[in-house]
All heavy atoms as atom14 arrays in JSON, in Angstrom:
{
  "sequence": "RTYNVPEGRPFEKFLHRGKPIAHHLGTDFQLLATKVETWFKPTLK",
  "atom14_mask": [
    [1, 1, 1, 1, 1, 1, 1, 1, 1, 1, 1, 0, 0, 0],
    [1, 1, 1, 1, 1, 1, 1, 0, 0, 0, 0, 0, 0, 0],
    [1, 1, 1, 1, 1, 1, 1, 1, 1, 1, 1, 1, 0, 0],
    [1, 1, 1, 1, 1, 1, 1, 1, 0, 0, 0, 0, 0, 0],
    [1, 1, 1, 1, 1, 1, 1, 0, 0, 0, 0, 0, 0, 0],
    [1, 1, 1, 1, 1, 1, 1, 0, 0, 0, 0, 0, 0, 0],
    [1, 1, 1, 1, 1, 1, 1, 1, 1, 0, 0, 0, 0, 0],
    [1, 1, 1, 1, 0, 0, 0, 0, 0, 0, 0, 0, 0, 0],
    [1, 1, 1, 1, 1, 1, 1, 1, 1, 1, 1, 0, 0, 0],
    [1, 1, 1, 1, 1, 1, 1, 0, 0, 0, 0, 0, 0, 0],
    [1, 1, 1, 1, 1, 1, 1, 1, 1, 1, 1, 0, 0, 0],
    [1, 1, 1, 1, 1, 1, 1, 1, 1, 0, 0, 0, 0, 0],
    [1, 1, 1, 1, 1, 1, 1, 1, 1, 0, 0, 0, 0, 0],
    [1, 1, 1, 1, 1, 1, 1, 1, 1, 1, 1, 0, 0, 0],
    [1, 1, 1, 1, 1, 1, 1, 1, 0, 0, 0, 0, 0, 0],
    [1, 1, 1, 1, 1, 1, 1, 1, 1, 1, 0, 0, 0, 0],
    [1, 1, 1, 1, 1, 1, 1, 1, 1, 1, 1, 0, 0, 0],
    [1, 1, 1, 1, 0, 0, 0, 0, 0, 0, 0, 0, 0, 0],
    [1, 1, 1, 1, 1, 1, 1, 1, 1, 0, 0, 0, 0, 0],
    [1, 1, 1, 1, 1, 1, 1, 0, 0, 0, 0, 0, 0, 0],
    [1, 1, 1, 1, 1, 1, 1, 1, 0, 0, 0, 0, 0, 0],
    [1, 1, 1, 1, 1, 0, 0, 0, 0, 0, 0, 0, 0, 0],
    [1, 1, 1, 1, 1, 1, 1, 1, 1, 1, 0, 0, 0, 0],
    [1, 1, 1, 1, 1, 1, 1, 1, 1, 1, 0, 0, 0, 0],
    [1, 1, 1, 1, 1, 1, 1, 1, 0, 0, 0, 0, 0, 0],
    [1, 1, 1, 1, 0, 0, 0, 0, 0, 0, 0, 0, 0, 0],
    [1, 1, 1, 1, 1, 1, 1, 0, 0, 0, 0, 0, 0, 0],
    [1, 1, 1, 1, 1, 1, 1, 1, 0, 0, 0, 0, 0, 0],
    [1, 1, 1, 1, 1, 1, 1, 1, 1, 1, 1, 0, 0, 0],
    [1, 1, 1, 1, 1, 1, 1, 1, 1, 0, 0, 0, 0, 0],
    [1, 1, 1, 1, 1, 1, 1, 1, 0, 0, 0, 0, 0, 0],
    [1, 1, 1, 1, 1, 1, 1, 1, 0, 0, 0, 0, 0, 0],
    [1, 1, 1, 1, 1, 0, 0, 0, 0, 0, 0, 0, 0, 0],
    [1, 1, 1, 1, 1, 1, 1, 0, 0, 0, 0, 0, 0, 0],
    [1, 1, 1, 1, 1, 1, 1, 1, 1, 0, 0, 0, 0, 0],
    [1, 1, 1, 1, 1, 1, 1, 0, 0, 0, 0, 0, 0, 0],
    [1, 1, 1, 1, 1, 1, 1, 1, 1, 0, 0, 0, 0, 0],
    [1, 1, 1, 1, 1, 1, 1, 0, 0, 0, 0, 0, 0, 0],
    [1, 1, 1, 1, 1, 1, 1, 1, 1, 1, 1, 1, 1, 1],
    [1, 1, 1, 1, 1, 1, 1, 1, 1, 1, 1, 0, 0, 0],
    [1, 1, 1, 1, 1, 1, 1, 1, 1, 0, 0, 0, 0, 0],
    [1, 1, 1, 1, 1, 1, 1, 0, 0, 0, 0, 0, 0, 0],
    [1, 1, 1, 1, 1, 1, 1, 0, 0, 0, 0, 0, 0, 0],
    [1, 1, 1, 1, 1, 1, 1, 1, 0, 0, 0, 0, 0, 0],
    [1, 1, 1, 1, 1, 1, 1, 1, 1, 0, 0, 0, 0, 0]
  ],
  "atom14_positions": [
    [[0.82, -1.28, 0.03], [-0.01, 0.02, 0.01], [0.72, 1.27, 0.06], [0.32, 2.39, -0.06], [-0.99, 0.0, 1.11], [-2.0, -1.07, 1.14], [-2.96, -1.12, 2.37], [-3.72, -2.24, 2.48], [-3.23, -3.32, 3.08], [-2.07, -3.34, 3.71], [-3.94, -4.43, 3.15], [0.0, 0.0, 0.0], [0.0, 0.0, 0.0], [0.0, 0.0, 0.0]],
    [[2.17, 1.22, 0.11], [2.97, 2.46, 0.06], [2.85, 3.01, -1.33], [2.77, 2.22, -2.4], [4.42, 2.03, 0.23], [4.65, 1.37, 1.53], [5.35, 3.31, 0.3], [0.0, 0.0, 0.0], [0.0, 0.0, 0.0], [0.0, 0.0, 0.0], [0.0, 0.0, 0.0], [0.0, 0.0, 0.0], [0.0, 0.0, 0.0], [0.0, 0.0, 0.0]],
    [[2.71, 4.16, -1.49], [2.37, 4.99, -2.76], [1.12, 4.88, -3.21], [0.6, 5.54, -4.15], [3.38, 4.63, -3.87], [4.86, 4.43, -3.52], [5.59, 3.3, -3.6], [5.54, 5.59, -3.1], [6.96, 3.33, -3.32], [6.85, 5.67, -2.81], [7.6, 4.38, -2.85], [8.95, 4.4, -2.49], [0.0, 0.0, 0.0], [0.0, 0.0, 0.0]],
    [[0.31, 4.02, -2.69], [-1.21, 3.88, -3.0], [-2.05, 4.69, -2.11], [-1.62, 5.17, -1.1], [-1.53, 2.33, -3.02], [-2.78, 2.14, -3.89], [-3.46, 3.06, -4.36], [-2.98, 0.84, -4.12], [0.0, 0.0, 0.0], [0.0, 0.0, 0.0], [0.0, 0.0, 0.0], [0.0, 0.0, 0.0], [0.0, 0.0, 0.0], [0.0, 0.0, 0.0]],
    [[-3.34, 4.86, -2.46], [-4.2, 5.67, -1.62], [-5.64, 5.0, -1.76], [-5.87, 4.25, -2.53], [-4.42, 7.07, -2.19], [-3.11, 7.89, -2.0], [-4.74, 7.03, -3.7], [0.0, 0.0, 0.0], [0.0, 0.0, 0.0], [0.0, 0.0, 0.0], [0.0, 0.0, 0.0], [0.0, 0.0, 0.0], [0.0, 0.0, 0.0], [0.0, 0.0, 0.0]],
    [[-6.45, 5.24, -0.77], [-7.87, 4.74, -0.69], [-8.58, 5.2, -1.89], [-8.22, 6.15, -2.61], [-8.4, 5.33, 0.62], [-7.16, 5.6, 1.54], [-6.11, 5.99, 0.54], [0.0, 0.0, 0.0], [0.0, 0.0, 0.0], [0.0, 0.0, 0.0], [0.0, 0.0, 0.0], [0.0, 0.0, 0.0], [0.0, 0.0, 0.0], [0.0, 0.0, 0.0]],
    [[-9.72, 4.55, -2.07], [-10.48, 4.65, -3.37], [-11.05, 6.11, -3.52], [-11.47, 6.57, -4.5], [-11.61, 3.68, -3.38], [-11.14, 2.23, -3.4], [-10.22, 2.08, -4.57], [-10.55, 2.44, -5.73], [-9.15, 1.34, -4.43], [0.0, 0.0, 0.0], [0.0, 0.0, 0.0], [0.0, 0.0, 0.0], [0.0, 0.0, 0.0], [0.0, 0.0, 0.0]],
    [[-11.2, 6.9, -2.39], [-11.88, 8.23, -2.47], [-11.15, 9.14, -3.32], [-11.81, 9.99, -3.99], [0.0, 0.0, 0.0], [0.0, 0.0, 0.0], [0.0, 0.0, 0.0], [0.0, 0.0, 0.0], [0.0, 0.0, 0.0], [0.0, 0.0, 0.0], [0.0, 0.0, 0.0], [0.0, 0.0, 0.0], [0.0, 0.0, 0.0], [0.0, 0.0, 0.0]],
    [[-9.82, 9.09, -3.41], [-9.08, 10.03, -4.2], [-8.04, 9.28, -5.0], [-6.73, 9.35, -4.77], [-8.32, 11.02, -3.33], [-9.39, 11.81, -2.48], [-8.75, 13.12, -1.75], [-7.5, 12.79, -1.07], [-7.49, 12.32, 0.2], [-8.56, 12.19, 0.83], [-6.32, 12.06, 0.9], [0.0, 0.0, 0.0], [0.0, 0.0, 0.0], [0.0, 0.0, 0.0]],
    [[-8.41, 8.35, -5.92], [-7.5, 7.56, -6.67], [-6.41, 8.26, -7.48], [-5.45, 7.76, -7.85], [-8.41, 6.7, -7.6], [-9.55, 7.58, -7.77], [-9.79, 8.26, -6.47], [0.0, 0.0, 0.0], [0.0, 0.0, 0.0], [0.0, 0.0, 0.0], [0.0, 0.0, 0.0], [0.0, 0.0, 0.0], [0.0, 0.0, 0.0], [0.0, 0.0, 0.0]],
    [[-6.7, 9.63, -7.79], [-5.73, 10.38, -8.59], [-4.55, 10.74, -7.79], [-3.52, 11.3, -8.33], [-6.42, 11.64, -9.08], [-7.17, 12.49, -8.07], [-6.57, 13.32, -7.22], [-8.46, 12.28, -7.85], [-7.14, 14.05, -6.31], [-9.18, 13.03, -6.89], [-8.44, 13.89, -6.04], [0.0, 0.0, 0.0], [0.0, 0.0, 0.0], [0.0, 0.0, 0.0]],
    [[-4.44, 10.49, -6.52], [-3.28, 10.85, -5.69], [-2.28, 9.55, -5.67], [-1.34, 9.54, -4.91], [-3.73, 11.15, -4.28], [-4.44, 12.46, -4.15], [-4.88, 12.8, -2.73], [-4.61, 11.94, -1.86], [-5.46, 13.9, -2.52], [0.0, 0.0, 0.0], [0.0, 0.0, 0.0], [0.0, 0.0, 0.0], [0.0, 0.0, 0.0], [0.0, 0.0, 0.0]],
    [[-2.53, 8.55, -6.4], [-1.46, 7.47, -6.58], [-0.15, 8.03, -7.04], [-0.14, 8.91, -7.92], [-2.01, 6.45, -7.44], [-3.25, 5.67, -7.04], [-3.78, 4.72, -8.07], [-5.09, 4.04, -7.74], [-4.84, 3.03, -6.67], [0.0, 0.0, 0.0], [0.0, 0.0, 0.0], [0.0, 0.0, 0.0], [0.0, 0.0, 0.0], [0.0, 0.0, 0.0]],
    [[0.88, 7.45, -6.57], [2.29, 7.98, -6.69], [2.78, 7.46, -8.16], [3.74, 6.69, -8.16], [3.18, 7.58, -5.67], [4.32, 8.57, -5.37], [3.93, 9.86, -4.95], [5.61, 8.25, -5.51], [4.98, 10.82, -4.72], [6.62, 9.19, -5.14], [6.24, 10.53, -4.82], [0.0, 0.0, 0.0], [0.0, 0.0, 0.0], [0.0, 0.0, 0.0]],
    [[2.09, 7.96, -9.22], [2.4, 7.5, -10.53], [2.47, 8.71, -11.46], [1.88, 9.76, -11.22], [1.19, 6.66, -11.04], [0.96, 5.3, -10.37], [-0.38, 4.66, -10.81], [1.99, 4.3, -10.56], [0.0, 0.0, 0.0], [0.0, 0.0, 0.0], [0.0, 0.0, 0.0], [0.0, 0.0, 0.0], [0.0, 0.0, 0.0], [0.0, 0.0, 0.0]],
    [[3.22, 8.52, -12.61], [3.22, 9.64, -13.52], [3.34, 8.88, -14.98], [4.22, 8.0, -15.18], [4.51, 10.47, -13.34], [4.6, 11.55, -14.41], [3.62, 12.34, -14.94], [5.71, 11.9, -15.15], [3.99, 13.16, -15.85], [5.32, 12.91, -15.92], [0.0, 0.0, 0.0], [0.0, 0.0, 0.0], [0.0, 0.0, 0.0], [0.0, 0.0, 0.0]],
    [[2.38, 9.08, -15.79], [2.36, 8.64, -17.12], [2.32, 6.98, -16.98], [3.02, 6.26, -17.78], [3.4, 9.03, -18.02], [3.22, 10.58, -18.43], [4.27, 11.03, -19.32], [4.0, 12.36, -19.75], [3.2, 12.75, -20.79], [2.66, 11.81, -21.63], [3.04, 13.94, -21.07], [0.0, 0.0, 0.0], [0.0, 0.0, 0.0], [0.0, 0.0, 0.0]],
    [[1.64, 6.5, -16.06], [1.35, 5.02, -15.89], [2.59, 4.3, -15.2], [2.5, 3.06, -15.0], [0.0, 0.0, 0.0], [0.0, 0.0, 0.0], [0.0, 0.0, 0.0], [0.0, 0.0, 0.0], [0.0, 0.0, 0.0], [0.0, 0.0, 0.0], [0.0, 0.0, 0.0], [0.0, 0.0, 0.0], [0.0, 0.0, 0.0], [0.0, 0.0, 0.0]],
    [[3.71, 5.01, -14.7], [4.7, 4.34, -14.11], [5.02, 4.91, -12.69], [4.72, 6.04, -12.42], [6.02, 4.53, -14.97], [5.99, 3.77, -16.27], [7.48, 3.86, -16.88], [7.41, 3.09, -18.25], [8.8, 3.12, -18.8], [0.0, 0.0, 0.0], [0.0, 0.0, 0.0], [0.0, 0.0, 0.0], [0.0, 0.0, 0.0], [0.0, 0.0, 0.0]],
    [[5.57, 4.11, -11.82], [5.82, 4.63, -10.42], [6.79, 5.72, -10.56], [7.79, 5.68, -11.25], [6.49, 3.38, -9.72], [5.92, 2.16, -10.51], [5.8, 2.58, -11.89], [0.0, 0.0, 0.0], [0.0, 0.0, 0.0], [0.0, 0.0, 0.0], [0.0, 0.0, 0.0], [0.0, 0.0, 0.0], [0.0, 0.0, 0.0], [0.0, 0.0, 0.0]],
    [[6.58, 6.68, -9.68], [7.44, 7.88, -9.61], [8.7, 7.47, -8.86], [9.81, 7.95, -9.02], [6.8, 9.17, -8.95], [5.71, 9.54, -9.85], [7.76, 10.14, -8.57], [4.77, 10.58, -9.2], [0.0, 0.0, 0.0], [0.0, 0.0, 0.0], [0.0, 0.0, 0.0], [0.0, 0.0, 0.0], [0.0, 0.0, 0.0], [0.0, 0.0, 0.0]],
    [[8.63, 6.5, -7.94], [9.67, 6.02, -7.18], [10.39, 4.75, -7.8], [10.6, 4.68, -8.95], [9.28, 5.83, -5.68], [0.0, 0.0, 0.0], [0.0, 0.0, 0.0], [0.0, 0.0, 0.0], [0.0, 0.0, 0.0], [0.0, 0.0, 0.0], [0.0, 0.0, 0.0], [0.0, 0.0, 0.0], [0.0, 0.0, 0.0], [0.0, 0.0, 0.0]],
    [[10.53, 3.7, -7.03], [11.21, 2.53, -7.45], [10.41, 1.87, -8.54], [9.1, 1.82, -8.53], [11.36, 1.5, -6.27], [12.44, 0.52, -6.43], [12.28, -0.57, -7.35], [13.69, 0.4, -6.06], [13.48, -1.35, -7.22], [14.25, -0.7, -6.49], [0.0, 0.0, 0.0], [0.0, 0.0, 0.0], [0.0, 0.0, 0.0], [0.0, 0.0, 0.0]],
    [[11.02, 1.25, -9.59], [10.38, 0.63, -10.66], [9.56, -0.5, -10.35], [8.57, -0.86, -11.09], [11.49, 0.26, -11.76], [12.38, -0.89, -11.37], [13.41, -0.74, -10.63], [12.23, -2.22, -11.66], [14.04, -1.87, -10.46], [13.34, -2.83, -11.01], [0.0, 0.0, 0.0], [0.0, 0.0, 0.0], [0.0, 0.0, 0.0], [0.0, 0.0, 0.0]],
    [[9.86, -1.2, -9.24], [9.04, -2.39, -8.77], [7.78, -1.95, -8.07], [6.95, -2.74, -7.75], [9.84, -3.23, -7.92], [10.96, -4.05, -8.54], [11.72, -4.95, -7.44], [10.47, -4.93, -9.65], [0.0, 0.0, 0.0], [0.0, 0.0, 0.0], [0.0, 0.0, 0.0], [0.0, 0.0, 0.0], [0.0, 0.0, 0.0], [0.0, 0.0, 0.0]],
    [[7.64, -0.62, -7.86], [6.3, -0.12, -7.27], [6.23, -0.34, -5.83], [7.04, 0.24, -4.98], [0.0, 0.0, 0.0], [0.0, 0.0, 0.0], [0.0, 0.0, 0.0], [0.0, 0.0, 0.0], [0.0, 0.0, 0.0], [0.0, 0.0, 0.0], [0.0, 0.0, 0.0], [0.0, 0.0, 0.0], [0.0, 0.0, 0.0], [0.0, 0.0, 0.0]],
    [[5.29, -1.1, -5.4], [5.07, -1.38, -3.96], [5.1, -2.87, -3.68], [4.97, -3.75, -4.5], [3.74, -0.75, -3.56], [3.59, -0.83, -2.1], [2.54, -1.43, -4.17], [0.0, 0.0, 0.0], [0.0, 0.0, 0.0], [0.0, 0.0, 0.0], [0.0, 0.0, 0.0], [0.0, 0.0, 0.0], [0.0, 0.0, 0.0], [0.0, 0.0, 0.0]],
    [[5.0, -3.32, -2.27], [4.96, -4.63, -1.79], [5.94, -5.58, -2.43], [5.72, -6.53, -3.07], [3.53, -5.08, -2.2], [3.14, -6.35, -1.41], [3.82, -6.66, -0.35], [2.15, -7.09, -1.84], [0.0, 0.0, 0.0], [0.0, 0.0, 0.0], [0.0, 0.0, 0.0], [0.0, 0.0, 0.0], [0.0, 0.0, 0.0], [0.0, 0.0, 0.0]],
    [[7.27, -5.29, -2.1], [8.3, -6.1, -2.63], [9.51, -6.13, -1.62], [9.74, -5.23, -0.88], [8.8, -5.75, -4.07], [9.51, -4.45, -4.1], [10.91, -4.45, -3.87], [8.86, -3.24, -4.4], [11.67, -3.3, -4.0], [9.53, -2.09, -4.42], [10.91, -2.11, -4.25], [0.0, 0.0, 0.0], [0.0, 0.0, 0.0], [0.0, 0.0, 0.0]],
    [[10.46, -7.05, -1.83], [11.75, -7.15, -1.3], [12.58, -7.47, -2.44], [12.38, -8.28, -3.26], [11.9, -8.26, -0.13], [10.97, -7.92, 1.11], [11.14, -9.01, 2.13], [11.08, -10.23, 1.82], [11.12, -8.65, 3.4], [0.0, 0.0, 0.0], [0.0, 0.0, 0.0], [0.0, 0.0, 0.0], [0.0, 0.0, 0.0], [0.0, 0.0, 0.0]],
    [[13.76, -6.81, -2.38], [14.84, -6.96, -3.42], [16.21, -6.99, -2.88], [16.62, -6.04, -2.12], [14.71, -5.83, -4.48], [15.77, -5.78, -5.58], [15.7, -7.01, -6.45], [15.65, -4.47, -6.45], [0.0, 0.0, 0.0], [0.0, 0.0, 0.0], [0.0, 0.0, 0.0], [0.0, 0.0, 0.0], [0.0, 0.0, 0.0], [0.0, 0.0, 0.0]],
    [[17.02, -8.03, -3.18], [18.42, -8.15, -2.84], [19.22, -8.17, -4.06], [18.98, -9.01, -4.97], [18.77, -9.36, -1.98], [20.14, -9.55, -1.53], [20.68, -8.46, -0.71], [20.25, -10.82, -0.87], [0.0, 0.0, 0.0], [0.0, 0.0, 0.0], [0.0, 0.0, 0.0], [0.0, 0.0, 0.0], [0.0, 0.0, 0.0], [0.0, 0.0, 0.0]],
    [[20.16, -7.41, -4.3], [20.88, -7.25, -5.57], [22.35, -6.96, -5.27], [22.7, -6.36, -4.3], [20.28, -6.18, -6.43], [0.0, 0.0, 0.0], [0.0, 0.0, 0.0], [0.0, 0.0, 0.0], [0.0, 0.0, 0.0], [0.0, 0.0, 0.0], [0.0, 0.0, 0.0], [0.0, 0.0, 0.0], [0.0, 0.0, 0.0], [0.0, 0.0, 0.0]],
    [[23.15, -7.45, -6.2], [24.62, -7.08, -6.01], [25.2, -7.08, -7.43], [24.7, -7.72, -8.42], [25.37, -8.23, -5.19], [26.7, -7.94, -5.04], [25.3, -9.48, -5.88], [0.0, 0.0, 0.0], [0.0, 0.0, 0.0], [0.0, 0.0, 0.0], [0.0, 0.0, 0.0], [0.0, 0.0, 0.0], [0.0, 0.0, 0.0], [0.0, 0.0, 0.0]],
    [[26.33, -6.42, -7.69], [27.0, -6.28, -8.94], [28.55, -6.25, -8.59], [28.95, -5.46, -7.64], [26.51, -4.98, -9.64], [27.24, -4.96, -10.97], [26.58, -3.83, -11.89], [27.19, -3.9, -13.27], [26.64, -2.69, -14.05], [0.0, 0.0, 0.0], [0.0, 0.0, 0.0], [0.0, 0.0, 0.0], [0.0, 0.0, 0.0], [0.0, 0.0, 0.0]],
    [[29.28, -7.1, -9.34], [30.71, -7.14, -9.19], [31.17, -6.88, -10.54], [30.79, -7.43, -11.55], [31.15, -8.46, -8.71], [32.65, -8.43, -8.6], [30.55, -8.72, -7.3], [0.0, 0.0, 0.0], [0.0, 0.0, 0.0], [0.0, 0.0, 0.0], [0.0, 0.0, 0.0], [0.0, 0.0, 0.0], [0.0, 0.0, 0.0], [0.0, 0.0, 0.0]],
    [[32.25, -5.97, -10.74], [32.75, -5.68, -12.03], [34.22, -5.38, -11.89], [34.61, -4.88, -10.89], [32.02, -4.47, -12.78], [32.0, -3.24, -12.08], [31.26, -2.16, -12.77], [30.46, -2.49, -13.7], [31.43, -1.0, -12.48], [0.0, 0.0, 0.0], [0.0, 0.0, 0.0], [0.0, 0.0, 0.0], [0.0, 0.0, 0.0], [0.0, 0.0, 0.0]],
    [[34.99, -5.61, -12.94], [36.49, -5.51, -12.82], [36.96, -5.06, -14.3], [36.42, -5.51, -15.23], [37.18, -6.61, -12.27], [38.61, -6.29, -12.12], [37.06, -7.85, -13.2], [0.0, 0.0, 0.0], [0.0, 0.0, 0.0], [0.0, 0.0, 0.0], [0.0, 0.0, 0.0], [0.0, 0.0, 0.0], [0.0, 0.0, 0.0], [0.0, 0.0, 0.0]],
    [[38.01, -4.3, -14.25], [38.77, -4.02, -15.52], [39.84, -4.98, -15.72], [40.83, -5.05, -15.02], [39.31, -2.63, -15.51], [38.21, -1.55, -15.67], [37.47, -1.03, -14.65], [37.67, -0.94, -16.86], [36.58, -0.1, -15.1], [36.75, -0.05, -16.61], [38.03, -1.17, -18.21], [36.07, 0.62, -17.46], [37.41, -0.41, -19.06], [36.35, 0.6, -18.78]],
    [[39.76, -5.78, -16.84], [40.87, -6.66, -17.16], [42.06, -5.96, -17.75], [43.17, -6.34, -17.55], [40.38, -7.8, -18.1], [39.32, -8.64, -17.37], [38.04, -8.54, -17.82], [39.58, -9.57, -16.33], [36.96, -9.34, -17.25], [38.59, -10.32, -15.82], [37.37, -10.17, -16.2], [0.0, 0.0, 0.0], [0.0, 0.0, 0.0], [0.0, 0.0, 0.0]],
    [[41.63, -4.92, -18.59], [42.64, -4.06, -19.14], [41.89, -2.73, -19.41], [40.69, -2.65, -19.31], [43.39, -4.64, -20.37], [42.33, -5.03, -21.44], [43.24, -5.65, -22.7], [42.24, -5.99, -23.84], [43.06, -6.54, -24.91], [0.0, 0.0, 0.0], [0.0, 0.0, 0.0], [0.0, 0.0, 0.0], [0.0, 0.0, 0.0], [0.0, 0.0, 0.0]],
    [[42.55, -1.66, -19.76], [41.92, -0.4, -20.01], [40.86, -0.34, -20.99], [39.95, 0.63, -21.0], [43.03, 0.58, -20.43], [44.25, -0.03, -19.84], [44.01, -1.45, -19.86], [0.0, 0.0, 0.0], [0.0, 0.0, 0.0], [0.0, 0.0, 0.0], [0.0, 0.0, 0.0], [0.0, 0.0, 0.0], [0.0, 0.0, 0.0], [0.0, 0.0, 0.0]],
    [[40.66, -1.37, -21.9], [39.62, -1.46, -22.86], [38.59, -2.56, -22.66], [37.81, -2.93, -23.61], [40.18, -1.41, -24.3], [41.03, -2.62, -24.38], [41.07, -0.27, -24.63], [0.0, 0.0, 0.0], [0.0, 0.0, 0.0], [0.0, 0.0, 0.0], [0.0, 0.0, 0.0], [0.0, 0.0, 0.0], [0.0, 0.0, 0.0], [0.0, 0.0, 0.0]],
    [[38.82, -3.3, -21.6], [37.93, -4.52, -21.41], [37.51, -4.6, -19.89], [38.26, -4.69, -19.03], [38.77, -5.72, -21.78], [37.95, -7.1, -21.65], [36.78, -7.12, -22.53], [38.89, -8.31, -21.92], [0.0, 0.0, 0.0], [0.0, 0.0, 0.0], [0.0, 0.0, 0.0], [0.0, 0.0, 0.0], [0.0, 0.0, 0.0], [0.0, 0.0, 0.0]],
    [[36.15, -4.57, -19.71], [35.52, -4.72, -18.39], [34.62, -5.82, -18.4], [33.89, -5.97, -19.36], [34.89, -3.35, -18.06], [34.18, -3.5, -16.64], [33.74, -2.11, -16.21], [32.59, -1.6, -17.03], [32.02, -0.3, -16.4], [0.0, 0.0, 0.0], [0.0, 0.0, 0.0], [0.0, 0.0, 0.0], [0.0, 0.0, 0.0], [0.0, 0.0, 0.0]]
  ]
}
């Protein structure tokens, strides 16, 4: 229900042009992510 609103004022949903204004997954989620990167040489990652 974060970013959502009761039915009385549905235009107050935290959306713009059909997409969440905040995180792309919207509401009601858990996300664990990691990224590892390295340069093998100045032109190759």
